[in-house]
Amino acid sequence: MTNVSLAQSYLSKAQARLKVLQLLADERAWSDVVCEAQEVVELALKGMLRQVAVEPPKIDDVSAILREHAARFPDPVAARIPRLAEISAWLRKEREFAFYGDVDFIPTEQYSEREATRAREDARFVVETAASVIPERDDIPPAAATEADRG
């Protein structure tokens, strides 16, 4: 599998999971919205990195890697890197509490619609940005995908 096709796969997964955030919000599962939004963001950002031939590390927050390789992205996207990195770091920090909680932190009681709305909006922003970098599967012929991966 090429970097481009793997990037497309990550974007496709992020887009599908983005739709799940609305279902979780409809159920008022605020902590689950935050948790799932982190996974959406992680997939989209790792897809972006793969698209520009950067092998993403197997960590949840790739904000430092994004900043390091900002120059590889087109100018309009590079200008968004600080916000993308901020979103990645925030959701990574929240994910663990949103998923597991702690003795004195019950996720279903601590997260509100406000945090869930922020997480959904941030995830949407990241996925839209990723979609502007990663070509649709139908937009890139197989031979071009192979050349793009080498370059």
Protein backbone atom coordinates (compact mmCIF):
# COMPACT_ATOMS: atom_id res chain seq x y z
CA MET A 1 0.00 0.00 0.00
CA THR A 2 1.34 3.43 -0.90
CA ASN A 3 1.53 6.50 1.32
CA VAL A 4 -1.15 8.17 -0.79
CA SER A 5 -3.58 5.26 -0.63
CA LEU A 6 -2.96 4.87 3.11
CA ALA A 7 -3.53 8.60 3.58
CA GLN A 8 -6.80 8.25 1.66
CA SER A 9 -7.79 5.31 3.86
CA TYR A 10 -7.12 7.33 7.02
CA LEU A 11 -9.18 10.23 5.67
CA SER A 12 -12.03 7.91 4.74
CA LYS A 13 -12.03 6.42 8.25
CA ALA A 14 -11.95 9.90 9.80
CA GLN A 15 -14.86 11.05 7.64
CA ALA A 16 -16.95 8.03 8.63
CA ARG A 17 -16.18 8.49 12.33
CA LEU A 18 -16.99 12.18 12.08
CA LYS A 19 -20.56 11.16 11.29
CA VAL A 20 -20.68 9.07 14.46
CA LEU A 21 -20.04 12.18 16.56
CA GLN A 22 -23.54 13.44 15.74
CA LEU A 23 -25.09 10.15 16.90
CA LEU A 24 -23.17 10.34 20.17
CA ALA A 25 -24.22 13.97 20.62
CA ASP A 26 -27.85 13.02 19.98
CA GLU A 27 -27.48 10.49 22.80
CA ARG A 28 -25.99 13.22 25.02
CA ALA A 29 -22.89 11.04 25.40
CA TRP A 30 -20.64 14.08 25.79
CA SER A 31 -17.54 12.26 27.02
CA ASP A 32 -17.82 9.78 24.15
CA VAL A 33 -18.00 12.65 21.65
CA VAL A 34 -14.73 14.00 23.05
CA CYS A 35 -13.07 10.58 23.01
CA GLU A 36 -14.15 9.70 19.48
CA ALA A 37 -13.28 13.20 18.21
CA GLN A 38 -9.69 12.56 19.29
CA GLU A 39 -9.56 9.45 17.13
CA VAL A 40 -11.05 11.34 14.17
CA VAL A 41 -8.39 14.04 14.54
CA GLU A 42 -5.57 11.53 14.95
CA LEU A 43 -6.55 9.67 11.77
CA ALA A 44 -6.96 12.84 9.72
CA LEU A 45 -3.65 14.34 10.87
CA LYS A 46 -1.73 11.11 10.30
CA GLY A 47 -3.26 10.94 6.84
CA MET A 48 -2.03 14.47 6.16
CA LEU A 49 1.47 13.53 7.28
CA ARG A 50 1.48 10.44 5.09
CA GLN A 51 0.31 12.53 2.15
CA VAL A 52 3.48 14.63 2.41
CA ALA A 53 5.69 11.54 2.85
CA VAL A 54 6.16 11.77 6.62
CA GLU A 55 5.81 8.49 8.50
CA PRO A 56 3.68 9.38 11.54
CA PRO A 57 4.79 7.93 14.86
CA LYS A 58 2.50 5.54 16.68
CA ILE A 59 1.41 8.13 19.23
CA ASP A 60 -1.94 9.86 19.71
CA ASP A 61 -0.76 13.48 19.48
CA VAL A 62 1.23 14.35 16.36
CA SER A 63 1.24 18.12 16.96
CA ALA A 64 5.04 18.34 17.24
CA ILE A 65 5.49 16.36 14.01
CA LEU A 66 3.01 18.63 12.21
CA ARG A 67 4.92 21.72 13.34
CA GLU A 68 8.24 20.18 12.35
CA HIS A 69 7.02 19.44 8.81
CA ALA A 70 4.73 22.45 8.26
CA ALA A 71 6.76 23.57 5.24
CA ARG A 72 5.77 20.41 3.36
CA PHE A 73 2.15 21.55 3.18
CA PRO A 74 0.66 24.10 0.77
CA ASP A 75 0.64 27.63 2.22
CA PRO A 76 -3.07 27.76 3.13
CA VAL A 77 -2.72 24.48 5.04
CA ALA A 78 0.62 25.42 6.58
CA ALA A 79 -1.09 28.50 8.00
CA ARG A 80 -3.54 26.19 9.79
CA ILE A 81 -0.83 24.04 11.41
CA PRO A 82 -0.79 25.96 14.73
CA ARG A 83 -4.54 25.43 15.14
CA LEU A 84 -4.35 21.79 14.00
CA ALA A 85 -1.56 21.17 16.51
CA GLU A 86 -3.52 22.89 19.29
CA ILE A 87 -6.57 20.71 18.56
CA SER A 88 -4.47 17.54 18.52
CA ALA A 89 -2.83 18.37 21.85
CA TRP A 90 -6.13 19.35 23.53
CA LEU A 91 -8.01 16.25 22.44
CA ARG A 92 -5.10 13.96 23.33
CA LYS A 93 -5.11 15.42 26.83
CA GLU A 94 -8.86 14.99 27.16
CA ARG A 95 -9.13 11.54 25.59
CA GLU A 96 -7.85 9.57 28.55
CA PHE A 97 -10.16 11.26 31.05
CA ALA A 98 -13.08 11.16 28.61
CA PHE A 99 -12.63 7.42 28.10
CA TYR A 100 -11.47 6.11 31.47
CA GLY A 101 -12.13 8.86 33.97
CA ASP A 102 -10.60 8.51 37.41
CA VAL A 103 -11.69 7.89 40.97
CA ASP A 104 -12.63 11.54 41.37
CA PHE A 105 -13.51 12.17 37.71
CA ILE A 106 -16.58 10.45 36.29
CA PRO A 107 -16.60 11.16 32.52
CA THR A 108 -20.37 10.97 32.11
CA GLU A 109 -20.75 13.60 34.83
CA GLN A 110 -17.79 15.85 34.00
CA TYR A 111 -18.19 16.48 30.28
CA SER A 112 -20.87 18.79 29.00
CA GLU A 113 -22.38 19.74 25.68
CA ARG A 114 -19.91 22.65 25.55
CA GLU A 115 -16.84 20.38 25.42
CA ALA A 116 -18.58 17.99 23.05
CA THR A 117 -19.49 20.82 20.69
CA ARG A 118 -15.93 22.12 20.72
CA ALA A 119 -14.60 18.61 20.02
CA ARG A 120 -17.03 18.11 17.10
CA GLU A 121 -16.25 21.49 15.57
CA ASP A 122 -12.51 20.92 15.97
CA ALA A 123 -12.74 17.44 14.43
CA ARG A 124 -14.73 18.82 11.49
CA PHE A 125 -12.11 21.56 10.94
CA VAL A 126 -9.30 18.98 10.95
CA VAL A 127 -11.09 16.62 8.56
CA GLU A 128 -11.93 19.47 6.17
CA THR A 129 -8.29 20.54 6.22
CA ALA A 130 -7.10 16.98 5.62
CA ALA A 131 -9.52 16.65 2.70
CA SER A 132 -7.93 19.71 1.11
CA VAL A 133 -4.52 17.97 1.20
CA ILE A 134 -5.40 14.34 0.49
CA PRO A 135 -6.86 13.70 -2.97
CA GLU A 136 -10.06 11.72 -3.33
CA ARG A 137 -9.44 8.14 -4.43
CA ASP A 138 -11.01 8.89 -7.84
CA ASP A 139 -8.88 12.02 -8.33
CA ILE A 140 -5.54 10.27 -8.54
CA PRO A 141 -4.74 7.49 -11.00
CA PRO A 142 -2.77 4.48 -9.63
CA ALA A 143 0.41 5.34 -11.58
CA ALA A 144 0.34 8.92 -10.27
CA ALA A 145 -0.18 7.64 -6.73
CA THR A 146 3.00 5.60 -7.00
CA GLU A 147 4.96 8.62 -8.28
CA ALA A 148 3.52 10.87 -5.57
CA ASP A 149 4.62 8.41 -2.91
CA ARG A 150 8.20 8.48 -4.17
CA GLY A 151 8.39 12.27 -4.25
